[in-house]
């Protein structure tokens, strides 16, 4: 499946390239990142166009990997309307039907940060996002834009169990990041947040849910191939993704 080409306005944009730095995903490798000029207004049209060529959002920055000798980071997206949950995903969906969801502005709340801090301390204390800080949280997940949203997942006692950062684009929903109560293992809240966003995309008649980058040799990224049918961006074309063919 070929997506529409980026709008003409993209070709007039200015981009910058970082110096090589340690890769966050693959050991003993260096990475380079291409990012949109921070002075460029981050409009939905610009974001939409750049998402078609593999860009992601972090805070108010749009970026994509731009490594000279490596193309391991592959953009993937779910075809929402055609998505068929597997047996385990159906169990996760049913198990979380007691949760209430609220879609809110991507603004700071102490309650959000407390959950984010707890999540990183328990699940990712060995990662490059640790230790967490309020500034890091704000710069990574918050943005004052009509299309940038946070989704709250609350239990029947109104306790906040998970938060998903999500952007609404014309081409679909972009799943930015999810953090959750790590002690609620049985709920598989990370899986549920993706399933919920797929269902929302269907209700909004949006064709895709963007999952960011899949990396064949990074175990942390393997979960993305469980959401089928999936598409992968190869040579500037979105094509069906069959994991067994990429091994």
C-alpha atoms as a PDB file:
ATOM      1  CA  UNK A   1       0.000   0.000   0.000  1.00  0.00           C
ATOM      2  CA  UNK A   2       1.445   3.343  -1.027  1.00  0.00           C
ATOM      3  CA  UNK A   3       0.671   6.384   1.093  1.00  0.00           C
ATOM      4  CA  UNK A   4       0.159   9.873  -0.291  1.00  0.00           C
ATOM      5  CA  UNK A   5       3.385  11.731  -0.901  1.00  0.00           C
ATOM      6  CA  UNK A   6       4.388  14.407   1.614  1.00  0.00           C
ATOM      7  CA  UNK A   7       2.919  17.819   0.927  1.00  0.00           C
ATOM      8  CA  UNK A   8       4.966  20.319  -1.033  1.00  0.00           C
ATOM      9  CA  UNK A   9       5.519  22.410   2.093  1.00  0.00           C
ATOM     10  CA  UNK A  10       7.806  19.686   3.453  1.00  0.00           C
ATOM     11  CA  UNK A  11      10.398  20.332   0.759  1.00  0.00           C
ATOM     12  CA  UNK A  12      10.884  23.894   2.007  1.00  0.00           C
ATOM     13  CA  UNK A  13      11.535  22.839   5.612  1.00  0.00           C
ATOM     14  CA  UNK A  14      14.920  22.987   7.283  1.00  0.00           C
ATOM     15  CA  UNK A  15      16.370  19.974   9.092  1.00  0.00           C
ATOM     16  CA  UNK A  16      19.380  19.429  11.326  1.00  0.00           C
ATOM     17  CA  UNK A  17      21.466  16.372  11.970  1.00  0.00           C
ATOM     18  CA  UNK A  18      22.962  15.451  15.331  1.00  0.00           C
ATOM     19  CA  UNK A  19      26.505  14.335  15.897  1.00  0.00           C
ATOM     20  CA  UNK A  20      26.884  10.554  16.238  1.00  0.00           C
ATOM     21  CA  UNK A  21      25.862   9.357  19.696  1.00  0.00           C
ATOM     22  CA  UNK A  22      25.430   6.034  21.497  1.00  0.00           C
ATOM     23  CA  UNK A  23      22.513   4.049  20.098  1.00  0.00           C
ATOM     24  CA  UNK A  24      19.677   3.568  22.596  1.00  0.00           C
ATOM     25  CA  UNK A  25      18.579   0.251  21.100  1.00  0.00           C
ATOM     26  CA  UNK A  26      21.537  -1.733  19.767  1.00  0.00           C
ATOM     27  CA  UNK A  27      24.770  -2.288  21.718  1.00  0.00           C
ATOM     28  CA  UNK A  28      28.104  -1.093  20.405  1.00  0.00           C
ATOM     29  CA  UNK A  29      26.542   1.091  17.727  1.00  0.00           C
ATOM     30  CA  UNK A  30      26.399   4.804  17.075  1.00  0.00           C
ATOM     31  CA  UNK A  31      23.268   6.630  15.981  1.00  0.00           C
ATOM     32  CA  UNK A  32      22.554   9.892  14.173  1.00  0.00           C
ATOM     33  CA  UNK A  33      19.217  11.677  14.310  1.00  0.00           C
ATOM     34  CA  UNK A  34      17.594  14.013  11.786  1.00  0.00           C
ATOM     35  CA  UNK A  35      15.203  16.532  13.302  1.00  0.00           C
ATOM     36  CA  UNK A  36      13.020  19.376  12.131  1.00  0.00           C
ATOM     37  CA  UNK A  37      14.269  22.908  12.764  1.00  0.00           C
ATOM     38  CA  UNK A  38      12.924  23.774  16.263  1.00  0.00           C
ATOM     39  CA  UNK A  39      12.045  27.263  14.960  1.00  0.00           C
ATOM     40  CA  UNK A  40       9.594  25.756  12.475  1.00  0.00           C
ATOM     41  CA  UNK A  41       5.968  26.011  13.720  1.00  0.00           C
ATOM     42  CA  UNK A  42       4.809  22.484  14.493  1.00  0.00           C
ATOM     43  CA  UNK A  43       1.493  22.405  12.638  1.00  0.00           C
ATOM     44  CA  UNK A  44      -0.665  19.342  12.129  1.00  0.00           C
ATOM     45  CA  UNK A  45      -0.112  19.505   8.343  1.00  0.00           C
ATOM     46  CA  UNK A  46       3.667  19.461   8.724  1.00  0.00           C
ATOM     47  CA  UNK A  47       3.444  16.651  11.267  1.00  0.00           C
ATOM     48  CA  UNK A  48       1.090  14.673   9.023  1.00  0.00           C
ATOM     49  CA  UNK A  49       3.417  14.964   6.050  1.00  0.00           C
ATOM     50  CA  UNK A  50       6.533  14.026   7.988  1.00  0.00           C
ATOM     51  CA  UNK A  51       4.820  11.050   9.624  1.00  0.00           C
ATOM     52  CA  UNK A  52       4.441   9.605   6.125  1.00  0.00           C
ATOM     53  CA  UNK A  53       8.222   9.450   5.800  1.00  0.00           C
ATOM     54  CA  UNK A  54       8.971   7.995   9.218  1.00  0.00           C
ATOM     55  CA  UNK A  55       9.182  10.969  11.575  1.00  0.00           C
ATOM     56  CA  UNK A  56       8.087  10.728  15.219  1.00  0.00           C
ATOM     57  CA  UNK A  57       7.356  13.336  17.880  1.00  0.00           C
ATOM     58  CA  UNK A  58       9.144  13.869  21.168  1.00  0.00           C
ATOM     59  CA  UNK A  59       7.809  16.935  22.973  1.00  0.00           C
ATOM     60  CA  UNK A  60       7.758  19.667  20.335  1.00  0.00           C
ATOM     61  CA  UNK A  61      10.429  18.016  18.184  1.00  0.00           C
ATOM     62  CA  UNK A  62       9.919  15.837  15.107  1.00  0.00           C
ATOM     63  CA  UNK A  63      12.753  13.424  14.387  1.00  0.00           C
ATOM     64  CA  UNK A  64      13.758  10.208  12.689  1.00  0.00           C
ATOM     65  CA  UNK A  65      16.900   8.032  12.711  1.00  0.00           C
ATOM     66  CA  UNK A  66      19.432   9.013  10.055  1.00  0.00           C
ATOM     67  CA  UNK A  67      22.333   6.630  10.576  1.00  0.00           C
ATOM     68  CA  UNK A  68      24.891   6.437   7.798  1.00  0.00           C
ATOM     69  CA  UNK A  69      25.689   2.725   8.019  1.00  0.00           C
ATOM     70  CA  UNK A  70      22.542   1.317   9.605  1.00  0.00           C
ATOM     71  CA  UNK A  71      18.844   1.183   8.744  1.00  0.00           C
ATOM     72  CA  UNK A  72      17.723  -1.086  11.586  1.00  0.00           C
ATOM     73  CA  UNK A  73      14.990   1.342  12.746  1.00  0.00           C
ATOM     74  CA  UNK A  74      11.938   0.665  10.599  1.00  0.00           C
ATOM     75  CA  UNK A  75       8.717   2.691  10.919  1.00  0.00           C
ATOM     76  CA  UNK A  76       5.613   0.548  11.427  1.00  0.00           C
ATOM     77  CA  UNK A  77       1.880   1.208  11.641  1.00  0.00           C
ATOM     78  CA  UNK A  78      -1.246  -0.871  12.234  1.00  0.00           C
ATOM     79  CA  UNK A  79      -4.058  -0.983   9.675  1.00  0.00           C
ATOM     80  CA  UNK A  80      -6.767  -0.193  12.194  1.00  0.00           C
ATOM     81  CA  UNK A  81      -9.888  -1.260  10.292  1.00  0.00           C
ATOM     82  CA  UNK A  82      -8.393  -4.640   9.391  1.00  0.00           C
ATOM     83  CA  UNK A  83      -6.892  -5.358  12.808  1.00  0.00           C
ATOM     84  CA  UNK A  84      -7.803  -8.748  14.266  1.00  0.00           C
ATOM     85  CA  UNK A  85      -6.791  -9.301  17.897  1.00  0.00           C
ATOM     86  CA  UNK A  86      -5.172 -12.613  18.737  1.00  0.00           C
ATOM     87  CA  UNK A  87      -6.326 -14.809  21.601  1.00  0.00           C
ATOM     88  CA  UNK A  88      -4.086 -13.165  24.193  1.00  0.00           C
ATOM     89  CA  UNK A  89      -5.078  -9.659  23.086  1.00  0.00           C
ATOM     90  CA  UNK A  90      -8.768 -10.553  23.388  1.00  0.00           C
ATOM     91  CA  UNK A  91      -8.115 -11.711  26.962  1.00  0.00           C
ATOM     92  CA  UNK A  92      -6.352  -8.425  27.774  1.00  0.00           C
ATOM     93  CA  UNK A  93      -9.210  -6.434  26.276  1.00  0.00           C
ATOM     94  CA  UNK A  94     -11.848  -8.284  28.292  1.00  0.00           C
ATOM     95  CA  UNK A  95      -9.805  -8.126  31.479  1.00  0.00           C
ATOM     96  CA  UNK A  96      -9.732  -4.323  31.389  1.00  0.00           C
ATOM     97  CA  UNK A  97     -13.356  -3.531  30.623  1.00  0.00           C
ATOM     98  CA  UNK A  98     -13.790  -2.215  34.157  1.00  0.00           C
ATOM     99  CA  UNK A  99     -11.451   0.702  33.378  1.00  0.00           C
ATOM    100  CA  UNK A 100     -12.703   4.185  32.533  1.00  0.00           C
ATOM    101  CA  UNK A 101     -10.831   6.269  29.966  1.00  0.00           C
ATOM    102  CA  UNK A 102     -10.557  10.040  29.712  1.00  0.00           C
ATOM    103  CA  UNK A 103      -8.950  11.901  26.796  1.00  0.00           C
ATOM    104  CA  UNK A 104      -7.452  15.156  28.085  1.00  0.00           C
ATOM    105  CA  UNK A 105      -5.037  17.918  27.067  1.00  0.00           C
ATOM    106  CA  UNK A 106      -1.344  17.062  27.151  1.00  0.00           C
ATOM    107  CA  UNK A 107      -0.704  19.212  30.218  1.00  0.00           C
ATOM    108  CA  UNK A 108       1.186  18.594  33.447  1.00  0.00           C
ATOM    109  CA  UNK A 109      -0.430  17.045  36.504  1.00  0.00           C
ATOM    110  CA  UNK A 110       1.422  15.889  39.594  1.00  0.00           C
ATOM    111  CA  UNK A 111      -0.577  12.668  39.460  1.00  0.00           C
ATOM    112  CA  UNK A 112       0.766  11.907  35.987  1.00  0.00           C
ATOM    113  CA  UNK A 113       4.352  12.584  36.949  1.00  0.00           C
ATOM    114  CA  UNK A 114       4.140  10.427  40.099  1.00  0.00           C
ATOM    115  CA  UNK A 115       2.990   7.471  38.000  1.00  0.00           C
ATOM    116  CA  UNK A 116       5.643   8.166  35.338  1.00  0.00           C
ATOM    117  CA  UNK A 117       8.398   8.326  37.960  1.00  0.00           C
ATOM    118  CA  UNK A 118       7.229   5.090  39.589  1.00  0.00           C
ATOM    119  CA  UNK A 119       7.031   3.338  36.214  1.00  0.00           C
ATOM    120  CA  UNK A 120      10.578   4.286  35.185  1.00  0.00           C
ATOM    121  CA  UNK A 121      12.021   3.393  38.582  1.00  0.00           C
ATOM    122  CA  UNK A 122      10.495  -0.087  38.500  1.00  0.00           C
ATOM    123  CA  UNK A 123      10.589  -0.963  34.792  1.00  0.00           C
ATOM    124  CA  UNK A 124      13.397   1.060  33.213  1.00  0.00           C
ATOM    125  CA  UNK A 125      16.002   1.895  35.852  1.00  0.00           C
ATOM    126  CA  UNK A 126      18.646   0.572  33.440  1.00  0.00           C
ATOM    127  CA  UNK A 127      17.471   2.694  30.504  1.00  0.00           C
ATOM    128  CA  UNK A 128      18.632   6.028  29.123  1.00  0.00           C
ATOM    129  CA  UNK A 129      15.481   7.778  30.430  1.00  0.00           C
ATOM    130  CA  UNK A 130      16.504   7.070  34.025  1.00  0.00           C
ATOM    131  CA  UNK A 131      16.541   8.882  36.384  1.00  0.00           C
ATOM    132  CA  UNK A 132      13.252  10.661  35.646  1.00  0.00           C
ATOM    133  CA  UNK A 133      12.714  14.350  36.300  1.00  0.00           C
ATOM    134  CA  UNK A 134       9.854  16.813  35.939  1.00  0.00           C
ATOM    135  CA  UNK A 135      11.716  18.671  33.189  1.00  0.00           C
ATOM    136  CA  UNK A 136      12.267  15.437  31.283  1.00  0.00           C
ATOM    137  CA  UNK A 137       8.593  14.520  31.622  1.00  0.00           C
ATOM    138  CA  UNK A 138       7.461  17.924  30.378  1.00  0.00           C
ATOM    139  CA  UNK A 139       9.858  18.068  27.423  1.00  0.00           C
ATOM    140  CA  UNK A 140       9.112  14.486  26.351  1.00  0.00           C
ATOM    141  CA  UNK A 141       5.327  14.127  26.636  1.00  0.00           C
ATOM    142  CA  UNK A 142       3.631  17.502  26.945  1.00  0.00           C
ATOM    143  CA  UNK A 143       2.603  19.860  24.163  1.00  0.00           C
ATOM    144  CA  UNK A 144       0.054  22.640  23.903  1.00  0.00           C
ATOM    145  CA  UNK A 145      -1.602  21.571  20.643  1.00  0.00           C
ATOM    146  CA  UNK A 146      -5.172  20.613  19.826  1.00  0.00           C
ATOM    147  CA  UNK A 147      -4.073  17.273  18.343  1.00  0.00           C
ATOM    148  CA  UNK A 148      -1.801  16.241  21.244  1.00  0.00           C
ATOM    149  CA  UNK A 149      -3.636  14.330  23.963  1.00  0.00           C
ATOM    150  CA  UNK A 150      -3.120  12.192  27.033  1.00  0.00           C
ATOM    151  CA  UNK A 151      -5.430   9.265  27.721  1.00  0.00           C
ATOM    152  CA  UNK A 152      -6.115   8.428  31.371  1.00  0.00           C
ATOM    153  CA  UNK A 153      -7.007   4.855  32.306  1.00  0.00           C
ATOM    154  CA  UNK A 154      -8.659   4.650  35.734  1.00  0.00           C
ATOM    155  CA  UNK A 155      -9.984   1.734  37.787  1.00  0.00           C
ATOM    156  CA  UNK A 156     -13.473   1.666  39.425  1.00  0.00           C
ATOM    157  CA  UNK A 157     -12.029   3.507  42.449  1.00  0.00           C
ATOM    158  CA  UNK A 158     -10.831   6.278  40.101  1.00  0.00           C
ATOM    159  CA  UNK A 159      -7.181   5.347  40.713  1.00  0.00           C
ATOM    160  CA  UNK A 160      -4.935   6.292  37.807  1.00  0.00           C
ATOM    161  CA  UNK A 161      -3.428   3.082  36.394  1.00  0.00           C
ATOM    162  CA  UNK A 162      -2.019   4.225  33.060  1.00  0.00           C
ATOM    163  CA  UNK A 163      -1.476   7.248  30.821  1.00  0.00           C
ATOM    164  CA  UNK A 164      -0.967   7.084  27.056  1.00  0.00           C
ATOM    165  CA  UNK A 165       0.409  10.047  25.113  1.00  0.00           C
ATOM    166  CA  UNK A 166      -1.322  10.099  21.724  1.00  0.00           C
ATOM    167  CA  UNK A 167      -1.491  12.414  18.707  1.00  0.00           C
ATOM    168  CA  UNK A 168      -4.412  12.635  16.301  1.00  0.00           C
ATOM    169  CA  UNK A 169      -3.281  13.089  12.713  1.00  0.00           C
ATOM    170  CA  UNK A 170      -5.222  13.013   9.464  1.00  0.00           C
ATOM    171  CA  UNK A 171      -3.572   9.715   8.569  1.00  0.00           C
ATOM    172  CA  UNK A 172      -4.212   8.098  11.941  1.00  0.00           C
ATOM    173  CA  UNK A 173      -3.314   8.086  15.602  1.00  0.00           C
ATOM    174  CA  UNK A 174       0.317   8.215  16.676  1.00  0.00           C
ATOM    175  CA  UNK A 175       0.992   6.235  19.849  1.00  0.00           C
ATOM    176  CA  UNK A 176       3.781   8.263  21.466  1.00  0.00           C
ATOM    177  CA  UNK A 177       4.373   6.583  24.837  1.00  0.00           C
ATOM    178  CA  UNK A 178       2.508   4.746  27.586  1.00  0.00           C
ATOM    179  CA  UNK A 179       3.401   4.492  31.262  1.00  0.00           C
ATOM    180  CA  UNK A 180       1.467   2.579  33.882  1.00  0.00           C
ATOM    181  CA  UNK A 181       1.329   1.036  37.335  1.00  0.00           C
ATOM    182  CA  UNK A 182       3.934  -1.753  37.072  1.00  0.00           C
ATOM    183  CA  UNK A 183       2.363  -3.771  39.894  1.00  0.00           C
ATOM    184  CA  UNK A 184      -0.762  -4.332  37.762  1.00  0.00           C
ATOM    185  CA  UNK A 185       0.940  -7.061  35.739  1.00  0.00           C
ATOM    186  CA  UNK A 186      -2.170  -9.137  35.130  1.00  0.00           C
ATOM    187  CA  UNK A 187      -3.834  -6.281  33.263  1.00  0.00           C
ATOM    188  CA  UNK A 188      -1.054  -5.939  30.634  1.00  0.00           C
ATOM    189  CA  UNK A 189      -1.762  -2.214  30.528  1.00  0.00           C
ATOM    190  CA  UNK A 190       0.727  -1.462  27.762  1.00  0.00           C
ATOM    191  CA  UNK A 191      -1.054  -3.913  25.468  1.00  0.00           C
ATOM    192  CA  UNK A 192      -4.463  -2.590  26.471  1.00  0.00           C
ATOM    193  CA  UNK A 193      -3.452   1.008  25.703  1.00  0.00           C
ATOM    194  CA  UNK A 194      -2.564   0.038  22.125  1.00  0.00           C
ATOM    195  CA  UNK A 195      -5.766  -1.989  21.684  1.00  0.00           C
ATOM    196  CA  UNK A 196      -7.764   0.974  22.982  1.00  0.00           C
ATOM    197  CA  UNK A 197      -6.106   3.334  20.494  1.00  0.00           C
ATOM    198  CA  UNK A 198      -6.854   0.916  17.641  1.00  0.00           C
ATOM    199  CA  UNK A 199     -10.521   0.928  18.624  1.00  0.00           C
ATOM    200  CA  UNK A 200     -10.520   4.727  18.839  1.00  0.00           C
ATOM    201  CA  UNK A 201      -8.981   4.977  15.353  1.00  0.00           C
ATOM    202  CA  UNK A 202     -11.797   2.794  14.025  1.00  0.00           C
ATOM    203  CA  UNK A 203     -14.451   4.986  15.670  1.00  0.00           C
ATOM    204  CA  UNK A 204     -12.843   8.113  14.201  1.00  0.00           C
ATOM    205  CA  UNK A 205     -12.511   6.490  10.745  1.00  0.00           C
ATOM    206  CA  UNK A 206      -8.750   6.926  10.873  1.00  0.00           C
ATOM    207  CA  UNK A 207      -6.843   4.325   8.859  1.00  0.00           C
ATOM    208  CA  UNK A 208      -3.755   3.744  10.984  1.00  0.00           C
ATOM    209  CA  UNK A 209      -2.146   3.640  14.404  1.00  0.00           C
ATOM    210  CA  UNK A 210       1.543   4.553  14.192  1.00  0.00           C
ATOM    211  CA  UNK A 211       3.766   2.563  16.565  1.00  0.00           C
ATOM    212  CA  UNK A 212       7.119   4.187  15.906  1.00  0.00           C
ATOM    213  CA  UNK A 213      10.144   2.057  15.105  1.00  0.00           C
ATOM    214  CA  UNK A 214      10.546  -1.709  14.932  1.00  0.00           C
ATOM    215  CA  UNK A 215      14.088  -3.058  15.239  1.00  0.00           C
ATOM    216  CA  UNK A 216      14.623  -6.697  14.350  1.00  0.00           C
ATOM    217  CA  UNK A 217      17.517  -7.258  16.768  1.00  0.00           C
ATOM    218  CA  UNK A 218      15.986  -5.344  19.691  1.00  0.00           C
ATOM    219  CA  UNK A 219      13.883  -7.580  21.922  1.00  0.00           C
ATOM    220  CA  UNK A 220      12.089  -4.577  23.453  1.00  0.00           C
ATOM    221  CA  UNK A 221      10.573  -3.841  20.025  1.00  0.00           C
ATOM    222  CA  UNK A 222       9.307  -7.360  19.301  1.00  0.00           C
ATOM    223  CA  UNK A 223       5.859  -6.686  20.764  1.00  0.00           C
ATOM    224  CA  UNK A 224       4.969  -4.423  17.825  1.00  0.00           C
ATOM    225  CA  UNK A 225       4.834  -7.300  15.366  1.00  0.00           C
ATOM    226  CA  UNK A 226       1.955  -8.826  17.366  1.00  0.00           C
ATOM    227  CA  UNK A 227      -0.497  -6.234  16.007  1.00  0.00           C
ATOM    228  CA  UNK A 228      -1.568  -7.449  12.601  1.00  0.00           C
ATOM    229  CA  UNK A 229      -1.985  -6.447   9.863  1.00  0.00           C
ATOM    230  CA  UNK A 230       1.052  -4.225  10.143  1.00  0.00           C
ATOM    231  CA  UNK A 231       2.723  -2.047   7.533  1.00  0.00           C
ATOM    232  CA  UNK A 232       6.384  -1.089   7.360  1.00  0.00           C
ATOM    233  CA  UNK A 233       8.025   1.881   5.625  1.00  0.00           C
ATOM    234  CA  UNK A 234      10.571   0.670   3.088  1.00  0.00           C
ATOM    235  CA  UNK A 235      12.140   2.856   0.415  1.00  0.00           C
ATOM    236  CA  UNK A 236       9.551   5.565   1.159  1.00  0.00           C
ATOM    237  CA  UNK A 237       6.635   3.159   0.602  1.00  0.00           C
ATOM    238  CA  UNK A 238       4.339   1.611   3.190  1.00  0.00           C
ATOM    239  CA  UNK A 239       4.117  -2.101   2.451  1.00  0.00           C
ATOM    240  CA  UNK A 240       2.635  -5.111   4.299  1.00  0.00           C
ATOM    241  CA  UNK A 241       4.919  -6.306   7.090  1.00  0.00           C
ATOM    242  CA  UNK A 242       5.395 -10.033   7.603  1.00  0.00           C
ATOM    243  CA  UNK A 243       7.823 -10.538  10.528  1.00  0.00           C
ATOM    244  CA  UNK A 244       8.912 -13.984   9.393  1.00  0.00           C
ATOM    245  CA  UNK A 245      10.188 -12.483   6.131  1.00  0.00           C
ATOM    246  CA  UNK A 246      12.356  -9.941   7.967  1.00  0.00           C
ATOM    247  CA  UNK A 247      14.381 -12.463   9.949  1.00  0.00           C
END
